[in-house]
Protein backbone atom coordinates (compact mmCIF):
# COMPACT_ATOMS: atom_id res chain seq x y z
CA MET A 1 -89.25 13.80 -68.61
CA GLN A 2 -86.75 13.48 -65.82
CA ASN A 3 -84.34 11.57 -68.55
CA ALA A 4 -84.56 14.72 -70.87
CA ASP A 5 -83.84 17.07 -67.96
CA LEU A 6 -80.70 14.93 -66.79
CA ARG A 7 -79.40 14.86 -70.29
CA ARG A 8 -79.57 18.47 -70.80
CA SER A 9 -77.91 19.01 -67.35
CA VAL A 10 -75.13 16.74 -68.33
CA ILE A 11 -74.61 18.36 -71.98
CA ARG A 12 -74.56 21.67 -70.15
CA SER A 13 -72.04 20.72 -67.79
CA ALA A 14 -69.90 19.04 -70.30
CA LYS A 15 -70.06 22.33 -72.40
CA GLN A 16 -69.00 24.34 -69.37
CA SER A 17 -66.27 21.91 -68.82
CA ARG A 18 -64.97 22.20 -72.41
CA LEU A 19 -65.13 25.97 -72.33
CA ALA A 20 -63.28 26.24 -69.02
CA LEU A 21 -60.37 23.71 -70.39
CA CYS A 22 -60.19 25.94 -73.50
CA ARG A 23 -59.73 28.88 -71.47
CA ALA A 24 -57.24 27.45 -69.30
CA ALA A 25 -55.09 26.44 -72.26
CA ALA A 26 -55.42 29.72 -73.84
CA ILE A 27 -54.29 31.34 -70.54
CA SER A 28 -51.26 29.07 -69.99
CA ALA A 29 -50.24 29.78 -73.72
CA GLY A 30 -50.05 33.46 -72.85
CA MET A 31 -53.47 34.51 -74.27
CA ILE A 32 -56.29 36.28 -72.71
CA ILE A 33 -59.76 35.73 -73.52
CA ASP A 34 -62.13 38.69 -73.45
CA PRO A 35 -65.21 37.87 -71.19
CA ASN A 36 -67.31 40.36 -72.89
CA THR A 37 -66.79 38.76 -76.45
CA PRO A 38 -65.83 35.16 -75.94
CA GLU A 39 -64.79 34.62 -79.57
CA THR A 40 -61.92 37.31 -79.32
CA VAL A 41 -58.63 36.02 -77.92
CA TYR A 42 -55.80 38.44 -77.09
CA ALA A 43 -52.36 37.04 -77.90
CA GLU A 44 -48.83 38.12 -77.20
CA SER A 45 -47.35 36.43 -80.41
CA THR A 46 -48.36 36.96 -83.95
CA ARG A 47 -48.19 33.30 -84.60
CA VAL A 48 -51.04 31.40 -82.70
CA ALA A 49 -52.69 27.99 -82.86
CA CYS A 50 -56.47 27.35 -82.71
CA GLU A 51 -58.38 24.15 -82.22
CA GLY A 52 -61.66 25.15 -81.51
CA GLU A 53 -63.47 24.75 -77.97
CA GLY A 54 -63.01 21.28 -76.29
CA GLY A 55 -59.89 19.94 -77.79
CA ALA A 56 -60.85 16.64 -79.75
CA LEU A 57 -64.47 18.10 -79.92
CA GLY A 58 -63.20 21.15 -81.40
CA HIS A 59 -61.74 21.25 -84.92
CA PRO A 60 -57.99 20.42 -86.17
CA ARG A 61 -55.30 22.63 -84.81
CA VAL A 62 -54.57 25.10 -87.25
CA TRP A 63 -51.61 27.75 -86.99
CA LEU A 64 -52.56 31.20 -87.90
CA GLN A 65 -50.13 34.26 -88.63
CA MET A 66 -51.39 37.71 -88.06
CA GLY A 67 -50.45 40.48 -90.61
CA ASN A 68 -49.76 44.02 -90.13
CA ASP A 69 -53.33 44.85 -89.17
CA GLY A 70 -52.69 43.00 -85.92
CA PHE A 71 -55.21 40.26 -85.90
CA VAL A 72 -56.30 36.93 -87.67
CA ASP A 73 -59.51 35.04 -87.79
CA CYS A 74 -59.73 31.26 -87.53
CA GLY A 75 -61.40 29.77 -90.90
CA TYR A 76 -63.09 27.00 -89.00
CA CYS A 77 -64.51 28.66 -85.96
CA ASP A 78 -64.29 32.35 -86.68
CA ARG A 79 -62.46 33.02 -83.34
CA ARG A 80 -60.48 36.40 -83.84
CA PHE A 81 -57.04 36.34 -82.19
CA ILE A 82 -55.75 39.92 -81.72
CA LEU A 83 -52.16 41.00 -80.84
CA THR A 84 -52.06 42.67 -77.36
CA GLY A 85 -50.98 46.16 -78.08
CA GLY A 86 -51.00 46.05 -81.66
CA PRO A 87 -53.05 48.05 -83.92
CA ALA A 88 -56.34 46.12 -83.84
CA ASP A 89 -56.23 46.13 -79.94
CA THR A 90 -58.79 48.75 -79.09
CA ARG A 91 -59.47 47.84 -75.34
CA GLU A 92 -57.66 50.93 -73.74
CA ALA A 93 -59.30 53.24 -76.53
CA ALA A 94 -62.68 52.27 -75.63
CA ALA A 95 -62.20 52.78 -71.98
């Protein structure tokens, strides 16, 4: 049973590390990840790249273009990218 607990611990740690790397990459690219809804990323540009979580363990990098509605969803991982200050950015309206 100790091996199973150790395996779960290692897997949990790896997932947390991949998530931290993904968030760091998004922040360095000028994107903000909303901690309340981790599948929503706020971006400063209407053109964004998504490769899922964890680099090589995610999905192929795809470039997405937002339309007039101010958001776009990734077809692989369903992550939603919202243009900061755009029509779909309702963060201030909810506050």
